[in-house]
PDB file of N, CA and C in Angstrom:
ATOM      1  N   MET A   1      67.908 -22.531 -10.625  1.00  0.00           N
ATOM      2  CA  MET A   1      67.778 -23.951 -10.816  1.00  0.00           C
ATOM      3  C   MET A   1      68.392 -24.368 -12.147  1.00  0.00           C
ATOM      4  N   ARG A   2      68.094 -23.641 -13.192  1.00  0.00           N
ATOM      5  CA  ARG A   2      68.594 -24.009 -14.507  1.00  0.00           C
ATOM      6  C   ARG A   2      70.118 -24.084 -14.509  1.00  0.00           C
ATOM      7  N   TRP A   3      70.764 -23.118 -13.865  1.00  0.00           N
ATOM      8  CA  TRP A   3      72.228 -23.084 -13.871  1.00  0.00           C
ATOM      9  C   TRP A   3      72.808 -24.053 -12.854  1.00  0.00           C
ATOM     10  N   SER A   4      72.151 -24.195 -11.740  1.00  0.00           N
ATOM     11  CA  SER A   4      72.649 -25.081 -10.698  1.00  0.00           C
ATOM     12  C   SER A   4      72.639 -26.539 -11.143  1.00  0.00           C
ATOM     13  N   PHE A   5      71.602 -26.955 -11.844  1.00  0.00           N
ATOM     14  CA  PHE A   5      71.485 -28.345 -12.264  1.00  0.00           C
ATOM     15  C   PHE A   5      71.791 -28.534 -13.744  1.00  0.00           C
ATOM     16  N   ARG A   6      72.161 -27.461 -14.409  1.00  0.00           N
ATOM     17  CA  ARG A   6      72.546 -27.495 -15.820  1.00  0.00           C
ATOM     18  C   ARG A   6      71.488 -28.168 -16.703  1.00  0.00           C
ATOM     19  N   LEU A   7      70.269 -27.686 -16.562  1.00  0.00           N
ATOM     20  CA  LEU A   7      69.163 -28.205 -17.359  1.00  0.00           C
ATOM     21  C   LEU A   7      68.813 -27.208 -18.451  1.00  0.00           C
ATOM     22  N   PRO A   8      68.364 -27.706 -19.610  1.00  0.00           N
ATOM     23  CA  PRO A   8      67.846 -26.788 -20.627  1.00  0.00           C
ATOM     24  C   PRO A   8      66.629 -26.046 -20.062  1.00  0.00           C
ATOM     25  N   LEU A   9      66.347 -24.878 -20.588  1.00  0.00           N
ATOM     26  CA  LEU A   9      65.305 -24.013 -20.034  1.00  0.00           C
ATOM     27  C   LEU A   9      63.957 -24.720 -19.876  1.00  0.00           C
ATOM     28  N   LYS A  10      63.468 -25.383 -20.914  1.00  0.00           N
ATOM     29  CA  LYS A  10      62.159 -26.046 -20.837  1.00  0.00           C
ATOM     30  C   LYS A  10      62.162 -27.141 -19.773  1.00  0.00           C
ATOM     31  N   LYS A  11      63.237 -27.902 -19.707  1.00  0.00           N
ATOM     32  CA  LYS A  11      63.325 -28.964 -18.703  1.00  0.00           C
ATOM     33  C   LYS A  11      63.450 -28.378 -17.302  1.00  0.00           C
ATOM     34  N   ALA A  12      64.144 -27.261 -17.169  1.00  0.00           N
ATOM     35  CA  ALA A  12      64.285 -26.602 -15.868  1.00  0.00           C
ATOM     36  C   ALA A  12      62.934 -26.090 -15.376  1.00  0.00           C
ATOM     37  N   VAL A  13      62.136 -25.505 -16.281  1.00  0.00           N
ATOM     38  CA  VAL A  13      60.806 -25.016 -15.903  1.00  0.00           C
ATOM     39  C   VAL A  13      59.919 -26.191 -15.490  1.00  0.00           C
ATOM     40  N   LEU A  14      59.952 -27.269 -16.263  1.00  0.00           N
ATOM     41  CA  LEU A  14      59.162 -28.457 -15.933  1.00  0.00           C
ATOM     42  C   LEU A  14      59.603 -29.047 -14.594  1.00  0.00           C
ATOM     43  N   ALA A  15      60.899 -29.119 -14.376  1.00  0.00           N
ATOM     44  CA  ALA A  15      61.421 -29.644 -13.108  1.00  0.00           C
ATOM     45  C   ALA A  15      60.979 -28.758 -11.948  1.00  0.00           C
ATOM     46  N   ASP A  16      61.043 -27.455 -12.125  1.00  0.00           N
ATOM     47  CA  ASP A  16      60.651 -26.517 -11.072  1.00  0.00           C
ATOM     48  C   ASP A  16      59.179 -26.660 -10.726  1.00  0.00           C
ATOM     49  N   VAL A  17      58.329 -26.691 -11.735  1.00  0.00           N
ATOM     50  CA  VAL A  17      56.890 -26.825 -11.496  1.00  0.00           C
ATOM     51  C   VAL A  17      56.585 -28.179 -10.847  1.00  0.00           C
ATOM     52  N   THR A  18      57.221 -29.234 -11.342  1.00  0.00           N
ATOM     53  CA  THR A  18      56.977 -30.579 -10.806  1.00  0.00           C
ATOM     54  C   THR A  18      57.422 -30.701  -9.359  1.00  0.00           C
ATOM     55  N   MET A  19      58.630 -30.241  -9.056  1.00  0.00           N
ATOM     56  CA  MET A  19      59.121 -30.401  -7.679  1.00  0.00           C
ATOM     57  C   MET A  19      58.354 -29.515  -6.711  1.00  0.00           C
ATOM     58  N   ASN A  20      57.931 -28.333  -7.140  1.00  0.00           N
ATOM     59  CA  ASN A  20      57.150 -27.474  -6.257  1.00  0.00           C
ATOM     60  C   ASN A  20      55.736 -28.003  -6.055  1.00  0.00           C
ATOM     61  N   ALA A  21      55.151 -28.585  -7.086  1.00  0.00           N
ATOM     62  CA  ALA A  21      53.834 -29.212  -6.932  1.00  0.00           C
ATOM     63  C   ALA A  21      53.936 -30.405  -5.986  1.00  0.00           C
ATOM     64  N   ALA A  22      54.967 -31.213  -6.171  1.00  0.00           N
ATOM     65  CA  ALA A  22      55.152 -32.386  -5.302  1.00  0.00           C
ATOM     66  C   ALA A  22      55.392 -31.970  -3.860  1.00  0.00           C
ATOM     67  N   SER A  23      56.219 -30.945  -3.652  1.00  0.00           N
ATOM     68  CA  SER A  23      56.494 -30.529  -2.277  1.00  0.00           C
ATOM     69  C   SER A  23      55.279 -29.850  -1.646  1.00  0.00           C
ATOM     70  N   THR A  24      54.416 -29.257  -2.458  1.00  0.00           N
ATOM     71  CA  THR A  24      53.184 -28.680  -1.919  1.00  0.00           C
ATOM     72  C   THR A  24      52.227 -29.780  -1.490  1.00  0.00           C
ATOM     73  N   ILE A  25      51.978 -30.722  -2.380  1.00  0.00           N
ATOM     74  CA  ILE A  25      51.005 -31.787  -2.098  1.00  0.00           C
ATOM     75  C   ILE A  25      51.539 -32.759  -1.042  1.00  0.00           C
ATOM     76  N   LEU A  26      52.700 -33.349  -1.308  1.00  0.00           N
ATOM     77  CA  LEU A  26      53.264 -34.324  -0.370  1.00  0.00           C
ATOM     78  C   LEU A  26      53.749 -33.655   0.909  1.00  0.00           C
ATOM     79  N   GLY A  27      54.278 -32.440   0.780  1.00  0.00           N
ATOM     80  CA  GLY A  27      54.780 -31.722   1.946  1.00  0.00           C
ATOM     81  C   GLY A  27      53.688 -31.427   2.953  1.00  0.00           C
ATOM     82  N   THR A  28      52.499 -31.114   2.465  1.00  0.00           N
ATOM     83  CA  THR A  28      51.373 -30.855   3.361  1.00  0.00           C
ATOM     84  C   THR A  28      51.056 -32.102   4.184  1.00  0.00           C
ATOM     85  N   ILE A  29      51.033 -33.237   3.516  1.00  0.00           N
ATOM     86  CA  ILE A  29      50.737 -34.503   4.198  1.00  0.00           C
ATOM     87  C   ILE A  29      51.871 -34.867   5.148  1.00  0.00           C
ATOM     88  N   CYS A  30      53.102 -34.804   4.649  1.00  0.00           N
ATOM     89  CA  CYS A  30      54.258 -35.175   5.478  1.00  0.00           C
ATOM     90  C   CYS A  30      54.422 -34.240   6.673  1.00  0.00           C
ATOM     91  N   LEU A  31      54.179 -32.954   6.489  1.00  0.00           N
ATOM     92  CA  LEU A  31      54.317 -32.012   7.605  1.00  0.00           C
ATOM     93  C   LEU A  31      53.232 -32.245   8.651  1.00  0.00           C
ATOM     94  N   ALA A  32      52.031 -32.603   8.204  1.00  0.00           N
ATOM     95  CA  ALA A  32      50.976 -32.928   9.157  1.00  0.00           C
ATOM     96  C   ALA A  32      51.363 -34.151   9.991  1.00  0.00           C
ATOM     97  N   ILE A  33      51.906 -35.159   9.343  1.00  0.00           N
ATOM     98  CA  ILE A  33      52.359 -36.360  10.055  1.00  0.00           C
ATOM     99  C   ILE A  33      53.503 -36.013  10.998  1.00  0.00           C
ATOM    100  N   ALA A  34      54.445 -35.213  10.528  1.00  0.00           N
ATOM    101  CA  ALA A  34      55.565 -34.786  11.382  1.00  0.00           C
ATOM    102  C   ALA A  34      55.061 -34.002  12.589  1.00  0.00           C
ATOM    103  N   GLY A  35      54.031 -33.187  12.385  1.00  0.00           N
ATOM    104  CA  GLY A  35      53.447 -32.428  13.480  1.00  0.00           C
ATOM    105  C   GLY A  35      52.820 -33.335  14.528  1.00  0.00           C
ATOM    106  N   ILE A  36      52.146 -34.384  14.076  1.00  0.00           N
ATOM    107  CA  ILE A  36      51.551 -35.349  15.007  1.00  0.00           C
ATOM    108  C   ILE A  36      52.649 -36.059  15.794  1.00  0.00           C
ATOM    109  N   ILE A  37      53.709 -36.463  15.100  1.00  0.00           N
ATOM    110  CA  ILE A  37      54.834 -37.116  15.774  1.00  0.00           C
ATOM    111  C   ILE A  37      55.474 -36.156  16.778  1.00  0.00           C
ATOM    112  N   TRP A  38      55.638 -34.896  16.390  1.00  0.00           N
ATOM    113  CA  TRP A  38      56.202 -33.889  17.298  1.00  0.00           C
ATOM    114  C   TRP A  38      55.350 -33.772  18.560  1.00  0.00           C
ATOM    115  N   GLU A  39      54.041 -33.679  18.375  1.00  0.00           N
ATOM    116  CA  GLU A  39      53.145 -33.528  19.523  1.00  0.00           C
ATOM    117  C   GLU A  39      53.180 -34.761  20.426  1.00  0.00           C
ATOM    118  N   ALA A  40      53.363 -35.944  19.838  1.00  0.00           N
ATOM    119  CA  ALA A  40      53.321 -37.180  20.616  1.00  0.00           C
ATOM    120  C   ALA A  40      54.547 -37.363  21.506  1.00  0.00           C
ATOM    121  N   PHE A  41      55.706 -36.925  21.044  1.00  0.00           N
ATOM    122  CA  PHE A  41      56.868 -37.146  21.896  1.00  0.00           C
ATOM    123  C   PHE A  41      57.566 -35.866  22.336  1.00  0.00           C
ATOM    124  N   PRO A  42      58.343 -35.209  21.460  1.00  0.00           N
ATOM    125  CA  PRO A  42      59.088 -34.055  21.975  1.00  0.00           C
ATOM    126  C   PRO A  42      58.176 -32.967  22.519  1.00  0.00           C
ATOM    127  N   GLY A  43      57.041 -32.764  21.866  1.00  0.00           N
ATOM    128  CA  GLY A  43      56.127 -31.718  22.297  1.00  0.00           C
ATOM    129  C   GLY A  43      55.608 -31.933  23.703  1.00  0.00           C
ATOM    130  N   LEU A  44      55.152 -33.130  23.991  1.00  0.00           N
ATOM    131  CA  LEU A  44      54.613 -33.408  25.326  1.00  0.00           C
ATOM    132  C   LEU A  44      55.651 -33.206  26.412  1.00  0.00           C
ATOM    133  N   VAL A  45      56.870 -33.669  26.154  1.00  0.00           N
ATOM    134  CA  VAL A  45      57.951 -33.488  27.117  1.00  0.00           C
ATOM    135  C   VAL A  45      58.221 -31.994  27.315  1.00  0.00           C
ATOM    136  N   LEU A  46      58.280 -31.267  26.221  1.00  0.00           N
ATOM    137  CA  LEU A  46      58.538 -29.832  26.261  1.00  0.00           C
ATOM    138  C   LEU A  46      57.429 -29.087  27.018  1.00  0.00           C
ATOM    139  N   TYR A  47      56.182 -29.390  26.680  1.00  0.00           N
ATOM    140  CA  TYR A  47      55.065 -28.676  27.282  1.00  0.00           C
ATOM    141  C   TYR A  47      54.993 -28.918  28.791  1.00  0.00           C
ATOM    142  N   LYS A  48      55.160 -30.181  29.187  1.00  0.00           N
ATOM    143  CA  LYS A  48      55.089 -30.501  30.614  1.00  0.00           C
ATOM    144  C   LYS A  48      56.320 -30.006  31.367  1.00  0.00           C
ATOM    145  N   GLY A  49      57.493 -30.161  30.751  1.00  0.00           N
ATOM    146  CA  GLY A  49      58.740 -29.764  31.413  1.00  0.00           C
ATOM    147  C   GLY A  49      58.866 -28.267  31.627  1.00  0.00           C
ATOM    148  N   PHE A  50      58.382 -27.487  30.679  1.00  0.00           N
ATOM    149  CA  PHE A  50      58.516 -26.030  30.772  1.00  0.00           C
ATOM    150  C   PHE A  50      57.194 -25.326  31.060  1.00  0.00           C
ATOM    151  N   HIS A  51      56.134 -26.102  31.230  1.00  0.00           N
ATOM    152  CA  HIS A  51      54.807 -25.553  31.524  1.00  0.00           C
ATOM    153  C   HIS A  51      54.399 -24.496  30.493  1.00  0.00           C
ATOM    154  N   ILE A  52      54.498 -24.897  29.238  1.00  0.00           N
ATOM    155  CA  ILE A  52      54.106 -24.001  28.145  1.00  0.00           C
ATOM    156  C   ILE A  52      53.070 -24.693  27.277  1.00  0.00           C
ATOM    157  N   GLY A  53      52.380 -23.922  26.473  1.00  0.00           N
ATOM    158  CA  GLY A  53      51.364 -24.467  25.585  1.00  0.00           C
ATOM    159  C   GLY A  53      51.927 -24.856  24.230  1.00  0.00           C
ATOM    160  N   THR A  54      51.052 -25.307  23.370  1.00  0.00           N
ATOM    161  CA  THR A  54      51.436 -25.797  22.048  1.00  0.00           C
ATOM    162  C   THR A  54      52.082 -24.718  21.185  1.00  0.00           C
ATOM    163  N   PHE A  55      51.534 -23.515  21.188  1.00  0.00           N
ATOM    164  CA  PHE A  55      52.022 -22.457  20.312  1.00  0.00           C
ATOM    165  C   PHE A  55      53.086 -21.638  21.036  1.00  0.00           C
ATOM    166  N   ASN A  56      54.319 -22.105  20.925  1.00  0.00           N
ATOM    167  CA  ASN A  56      55.451 -21.455  21.588  1.00  0.00           C
ATOM    168  C   ASN A  56      56.596 -21.334  20.594  1.00  0.00           C
ATOM    169  N   PRO A  57      57.587 -20.522  20.865  1.00  0.00           N
ATOM    170  CA  PRO A  57      58.684 -20.320  19.907  1.00  0.00           C
ATOM    171  C   PRO A  57      59.448 -21.597  19.539  1.00  0.00           C
ATOM    172  N   ILE A  58      59.574 -22.523  20.473  1.00  0.00           N
ATOM    173  CA  ILE A  58      60.300 -23.765  20.168  1.00  0.00           C
ATOM    174  C   ILE A  58      59.516 -24.597  19.163  1.00  0.00           C
ATOM    175  N   THR A  59      58.223 -24.721  19.367  1.00  0.00           N
ATOM    176  CA  THR A  59      57.398 -25.484  18.435  1.00  0.00           C
ATOM    177  C   THR A  59      57.352 -24.814  17.065  1.00  0.00           C
ATOM    178  N   TRP A  60      57.243 -23.486  17.038  1.00  0.00           N
ATOM    179  CA  TRP A  60      57.257 -22.784  15.748  1.00  0.00           C
ATOM    180  C   TRP A  60      58.593 -22.987  15.034  1.00  0.00           C
ATOM    181  N   SER A  61      59.684 -22.973  15.775  1.00  0.00           N
ATOM    182  CA  SER A  61      61.006 -23.204  15.183  1.00  0.00           C
ATOM    183  C   SER A  61      61.122 -24.624  14.642  1.00  0.00           C
ATOM    184  N   ALA A  62      60.623 -25.583  15.414  1.00  0.00           N
ATOM    185  CA  ALA A  62      60.647 -26.979  14.961  1.00  0.00           C
ATOM    186  C   ALA A  62      59.803 -27.147  13.703  1.00  0.00           C
ATOM    187  N   THR A  63      58.663 -26.492  13.658  1.00  0.00           N
ATOM    188  CA  THR A  63      57.802 -26.555  12.476  1.00  0.00           C
ATOM    189  C   THR A  63      58.525 -25.994  11.252  1.00  0.00           C
ATOM    190  N   PHE A  64      59.198 -24.867  11.432  1.00  0.00           N
ATOM    191  CA  PHE A  64      59.965 -24.264  10.344  1.00  0.00           C
ATOM    192  C   PHE A  64      61.031 -25.233   9.839  1.00  0.00           C
ATOM    193  N   ILE A  65      61.809 -25.788  10.758  1.00  0.00           N
ATOM    194  CA  ILE A  65      62.897 -26.698  10.377  1.00  0.00           C
ATOM    195  C   ILE A  65      62.351 -27.946   9.693  1.00  0.00           C
ATOM    196  N   LEU A  66      61.294 -28.519  10.254  1.00  0.00           N
ATOM    197  CA  LEU A  66      60.694 -29.708   9.640  1.00  0.00           C
ATOM    198  C   LEU A  66      60.160 -29.402   8.242  1.00  0.00           C
ATOM    199  N   ALA A  67      59.525 -28.254   8.060  1.00  0.00           N
ATOM    200  CA  ALA A  67      58.987 -27.889   6.743  1.00  0.00           C
ATOM    201  C   ALA A  67      60.106 -27.747   5.719  1.00  0.00           C
ATOM    202  N   VAL A  68      61.189 -27.113   6.114  1.00  0.00           N
ATOM    203  CA  VAL A  68      62.317 -26.934   5.189  1.00  0.00           C
ATOM    204  C   VAL A  68      62.938 -28.285   4.827  1.00  0.00           C
ATOM    205  N   ILE A  69      63.155 -29.124   5.821  1.00  0.00           N
ATOM    206  CA  ILE A  69      63.756 -30.444   5.567  1.00  0.00           C
ATOM    207  C   ILE A  69      62.847 -31.302   4.693  1.00  0.00           C
ATOM    208  N   ILE A  70      61.566 -31.336   5.017  1.00  0.00           N
ATOM    209  CA  ILE A  70      60.623 -32.153   4.246  1.00  0.00           C
ATOM    210  C   ILE A  70      60.541 -31.667   2.800  1.00  0.00           C
ATOM    211  N   ASN A  71      60.396 -30.366   2.594  1.00  0.00           N
ATOM    212  CA  ASN A  71      60.324 -29.837   1.227  1.00  0.00           C
ATOM    213  C   ASN A  71      61.606 -30.100   0.451  1.00  0.00           C
ATOM    214  N   THR A  72      62.741 -29.928   1.099  1.00  0.00           N
ATOM    215  CA  THR A  72      64.024 -30.179   0.433  1.00  0.00           C
ATOM    216  C   THR A  72      64.138 -31.642   0.044  1.00  0.00           C
ATOM    217  N   TRP A  73      63.754 -32.533   0.944  1.00  0.00           N
ATOM    218  CA  TRP A  73      63.828 -33.978   0.687  1.00  0.00           C
ATOM    219  C   TRP A  73      62.938 -34.361  -0.502  1.00  0.00           C
ATOM    220  N   ILE A  74      61.693 -33.867  -0.521  1.00  0.00           N
ATOM    221  CA  ILE A  74      60.772 -34.185  -1.615  1.00  0.00           C
ATOM    222  C   ILE A  74      61.300 -33.636  -2.938  1.00  0.00           C
ATOM    223  N   GLU A  75      61.758 -32.396  -2.944  1.00  0.00           N
ATOM    224  CA  GLU A  75      62.257 -31.796  -4.178  1.00  0.00           C
ATOM    225  C   GLU A  75      63.513 -32.499  -4.677  1.00  0.00           C
ATOM    226  N   ALA A  76      64.366 -32.918  -3.778  1.00  0.00           N
ATOM    227  CA  ALA A  76      65.573 -33.653  -4.176  1.00  0.00           C
ATOM    228  C   ALA A  76      65.206 -34.983  -4.821  1.00  0.00           C
ATOM    229  N   ILE A  77      64.219 -35.675  -4.260  1.00  0.00           N
ATOM    230  CA  ILE A  77      63.773 -36.948  -4.846  1.00  0.00           C
ATOM    231  C   ILE A  77      63.208 -36.727  -6.240  1.00  0.00           C
ATOM    232  N   VAL A  78      62.399 -35.694  -6.406  1.00  0.00           N
ATOM    233  CA  VAL A  78      61.821 -35.398  -7.723  1.00  0.00           C
ATOM    234  C   VAL A  78      62.927 -35.093  -8.728  1.00  0.00           C
ATOM    235  N   LEU A  79      63.895 -34.289  -8.340  1.00  0.00           N
ATOM    236  CA  LEU A  79      64.974 -33.938  -9.260  1.00  0.00           C
ATOM    237  C   LEU A  79      65.816 -35.160  -9.636  1.00  0.00           C
ATOM    238  N   ARG A  80      66.088 -36.003  -8.651  1.00  0.00           N
ATOM    239  CA  ARG A  80      66.917 -37.183  -8.935  1.00  0.00           C
ATOM    240  C   ARG A  80      66.139 -38.228  -9.730  1.00  0.00           C
ATOM    241  N   ALA A  81      64.954 -38.589  -9.251  1.00  0.00           N
ATOM    242  CA  ALA A  81      64.190 -39.666  -9.889  1.00  0.00           C
ATOM    243  C   ALA A  81      63.518 -39.225 -11.186  1.00  0.00           C
ATOM    244  N   GLY A  82      62.996 -38.004 -11.204  1.00  0.00           N
ATOM    245  CA  GLY A  82      62.238 -37.564 -12.370  1.00  0.00           C
ATOM    246  C   GLY A  82      63.050 -36.903 -13.463  1.00  0.00           C
ATOM    247  N   PHE A  83      64.201 -36.335 -13.093  1.00  0.00           N
ATOM    248  CA  PHE A  83      64.959 -35.566 -14.071  1.00  0.00           C
ATOM    249  C   PHE A  83      66.425 -35.969 -14.166  1.00  0.00           C
ATOM    250  N   GLY A  84      66.805 -37.009 -13.422  1.00  0.00           N
ATOM    251  CA  GLY A  84      68.164 -37.541 -13.505  1.00  0.00           C
ATOM    252  C   GLY A  84      69.246 -36.589 -13.024  1.00  0.00           C
ATOM    253  N   CYS A  85      68.895 -35.664 -12.146  1.00  0.00           N
ATOM    254  CA  CYS A  85      69.881 -34.702 -11.642  1.00  0.00           C
ATOM    255  C   CYS A  85      70.739 -35.344 -10.555  1.00  0.00           C
ATOM    256  N   ARG A  86      72.025 -35.057 -10.595  1.00  0.00           N
ATOM    257  CA  ARG A  86      72.919 -35.510  -9.531  1.00  0.00           C
ATOM    258  C   ARG A  86      72.750 -34.586  -8.337  1.00  0.00           C
ATOM    259  N   LEU A  87      72.706 -35.168  -7.170  1.00  0.00           N
ATOM    260  CA  LEU A  87      72.473 -34.385  -5.971  1.00  0.00           C
ATOM    261  C   LEU A  87      73.745 -34.281  -5.141  1.00  0.00           C
ATOM    262  N   GLU A  88      74.608 -33.414  -5.572  1.00  0.00           N
ATOM    263  CA  GLU A  88      75.817 -33.141  -4.806  1.00  0.00           C
ATOM    264  C   GLU A  88      75.446 -32.269  -3.619  1.00  0.00           C
ATOM    265  N   ARG A  89      76.314 -32.217  -2.646  1.00  0.00           N
ATOM    266  CA  ARG A  89      76.048 -31.476  -1.414  1.00  0.00           C
ATOM    267  C   ARG A  89      75.664 -30.023  -1.689  1.00  0.00           C
ATOM    268  N   ARG A  90      76.384 -29.345  -2.565  1.00  0.00           N
ATOM    269  CA  ARG A  90      76.101 -27.932  -2.824  1.00  0.00           C
ATOM    270  C   ARG A  90      74.719 -27.740  -3.429  1.00  0.00           C
ATOM    271  N   ARG A  91      74.258 -28.691  -4.213  1.00  0.00           N
ATOM    272  CA  ARG A  91      72.922 -28.581  -4.804  1.00  0.00           C
ATOM    273  C   ARG A  91      71.836 -28.795  -3.745  1.00  0.00           C
ATOM    274  N   VAL A  92      72.063 -29.736  -2.859  1.00  0.00           N
ATOM    275  CA  VAL A  92      71.099 -29.957  -1.782  1.00  0.00           C
ATOM    276  C   VAL A  92      71.082 -28.739  -0.851  1.00  0.00           C
ATOM    277  N   VAL A  93      72.246 -28.173  -0.594  1.00  0.00           N
ATOM    278  CA  VAL A  93      72.316 -26.962   0.230  1.00  0.00           C
ATOM    279  C   VAL A  93      71.560 -25.822  -0.459  1.00  0.00           C
ATOM    280  N   ALA A  94      71.692 -25.696  -1.770  1.00  0.00           N
ATOM    281  CA  ALA A  94      70.964 -24.655  -2.508  1.00  0.00           C
ATOM    282  C   ALA A  94      69.455 -24.866  -2.380  1.00  0.00           C
ATOM    283  N   LEU A  95      68.997 -26.114  -2.502  1.00  0.00           N
ATOM    284  CA  LEU A  95      67.571 -26.413  -2.319  1.00  0.00           C
ATOM    285  C   LEU A  95      67.131 -26.078  -0.889  1.00  0.00           C
ATOM    286  N   PHE A  96      67.969 -26.432   0.079  1.00  0.00           N
ATOM    287  CA  PHE A  96      67.661 -26.162   1.484  1.00  0.00           C
ATOM    288  C   PHE A  96      67.529 -24.660   1.730  1.00  0.00           C
ATOM    289  N   LEU A  97      68.456 -23.884   1.208  1.00  0.00           N
ATOM    290  CA  LEU A  97      68.413 -22.427   1.394  1.00  0.00           C
ATOM    291  C   LEU A  97      67.197 -21.813   0.696  1.00  0.00           C
ATOM    292  N   ALA A  98      66.900 -22.281  -0.507  1.00  0.00           N
ATOM    293  CA  ALA A  98      65.729 -21.770  -1.229  1.00  0.00           C
ATOM    294  C   ALA A  98      64.447 -22.102  -0.459  1.00  0.00           C
ATOM    295  N   ASN A  99      64.364 -23.312   0.066  1.00  0.00           N
ATOM    296  CA  ASN A  99      63.190 -23.690   0.852  1.00  0.00           C
ATOM    297  C   ASN A  99      63.126 -22.920   2.166  1.00  0.00           C
ATOM    298  N   SER A 100      64.266 -22.593   2.738  1.00  0.00           N
ATOM    299  CA  SER A 100      64.283 -21.789   3.958  1.00  0.00           C
ATOM    300  C   SER A 100      63.644 -20.423   3.702  1.00  0.00           C
ATOM    301  N   VAL A 101      63.973 -19.839   2.576  1.00  0.00           N
ATOM    302  CA  VAL A 101      63.418 -18.531   2.230  1.00  0.00           C
ATOM    303  C   VAL A 101      61.908 -18.635   2.006  1.00  0.00           C
ATOM    304  N   THR A 102      61.468 -19.628   1.238  1.00  0.00           N
ATOM    305  CA  THR A 102      60.041 -19.719   0.931  1.00  0.00           C
ATOM    306  C   THR A 102      59.206 -20.084   2.157  1.00  0.00           C
ATOM    307  N   VAL A 103      59.732 -20.971   3.011  1.00  0.00           N
ATOM    308  CA  VAL A 103      58.998 -21.309   4.235  1.00  0.00           C
ATOM    309  C   VAL A 103      58.956 -20.106   5.170  1.00  0.00           C
ATOM    310  N   ALA A 104      60.045 -19.354   5.248  1.00  0.00           N
ATOM    311  CA  ALA A 104      60.055 -18.137   6.078  1.00  0.00           C
ATOM    312  C   ALA A 104      59.036 -17.129   5.552  1.00  0.00           C
ATOM    313  N   LEU A 105      58.976 -16.946   4.249  1.00  0.00           N
ATOM    314  CA  LEU A 105      57.994 -16.019   3.671  1.00  0.00           C
ATOM    315  C   LEU A 105      56.564 -16.477   3.953  1.00  0.00           C
ATOM    316  N   ALA A 106      56.322 -17.784   3.883  1.00  0.00           N
ATOM    317  CA  ALA A 106      54.989 -18.312   4.201  1.00  0.00           C
ATOM    318  C   ALA A 106      54.654 -18.051   5.666  1.00  0.00           C
ATOM    319  N   GLY A 107      55.625 -18.247   6.546  1.00  0.00           N
ATOM    320  CA  GLY A 107      55.410 -17.981   7.964  1.00  0.00           C
ATOM    321  C   GLY A 107      55.129 -16.518   8.233  1.00  0.00           C
ATOM    322  N   ILE A 108      55.864 -15.653   7.580  1.00  0.00           N
ATOM    323  CA  ILE A 108      55.647 -14.206   7.737  1.00  0.00           C
ATOM    324  C   ILE A 108      54.252 -13.831   7.236  1.00  0.00           C
ATOM    325  N   GLU A 109      53.869 -14.380   6.116  1.00  0.00           N
ATOM    326  CA  GLU A 109      52.534 -14.106   5.568  1.00  0.00           C
ATOM    327  C   GLU A 109      51.443 -14.568   6.531  1.00  0.00           C
ATOM    328  N   LEU A 110      51.605 -15.741   7.111  1.00  0.00           N
ATOM    329  CA  LEU A 110      50.617 -16.232   8.079  1.00  0.00           C
ATOM    330  C   LEU A 110      50.561 -15.355   9.324  1.00  0.00           C
ATOM    331  N   ARG A 111      51.690 -14.831   9.713  1.00  0.00           N
ATOM    332  CA  ARG A 111      51.746 -13.976  10.899  1.00  0.00           C
ATOM    333  C   ARG A 111      51.009 -12.652  10.645  1.00  0.00           C
ATOM    334  N   TRP A 112      51.248 -12.060   9.478  1.00  0.00           N
ATOM    335  CA  TRP A 112      50.641 -10.769   9.163  1.00  0.00           C
ATOM    336  C   TRP A 112      49.206 -10.878   8.671  1.00  0.00           C
ATOM    337  N   HIS A 113      48.888 -11.986   8.007  1.00  0.00           N
ATOM    338  CA  HIS A 113      47.544 -12.187   7.466  1.00  0.00           C
ATOM    339  C   HIS A 113      47.052 -13.581   7.841  1.00  0.00           C
ATOM    340  N   PRO A 114      46.722 -13.778   9.124  1.00  0.00           N
ATOM    341  CA  PRO A 114      46.278 -15.114   9.550  1.00  0.00           C
ATOM    342  C   PRO A 114      44.967 -15.512   8.875  1.00  0.00           C
ATOM    343  N   ARG A 115      44.850 -16.806   8.590  1.00  0.00           N
ATOM    344  CA  ARG A 115      43.630 -17.326   7.981  1.00  0.00           C
ATOM    345  C   ARG A 115      42.520 -17.318   9.019  1.00  0.00           C
ATOM    346  N   THR A 116      41.367 -16.921   8.615  1.00  0.00           N
ATOM    347  CA  THR A 116      40.203 -16.964   9.506  1.00  0.00           C
ATOM    348  C   THR A 116      39.121 -17.797   8.861  1.00  0.00           C
ATOM    349  N   LEU A 117      38.382 -18.475   9.682  1.00  0.00           N
ATOM    350  CA  LEU A 117      37.293 -19.302   9.152  1.00  0.00           C
ATOM    351  C   LEU A 117      35.964 -18.611   9.295  1.00  0.00           C
TER     352      LEU A 117
END
């Protein structure tokens, strides 16, 4: 991040913590809303058309893609509005790829160590 956005070290650390906190808090809310929207339209069509349940590979893939897009969007807004960073295509792609890795790791962790109540 520091080299990609050419920020001084202290500002880069602050930007990283801020954008990750924002994407954690806002991303949780936005992903929940996106999930409800998914279930209301594409999900219902998919489930009825293919006679499958909610937890299927297509829905998991959509969840992954939505999580990456939402986190990237939130982090880009924080970087632009909060730190004055220019958001060129390569920088947004870098954020997208970084979020792809972290969301994939979260998914893998949930698969191997599912939360139990």
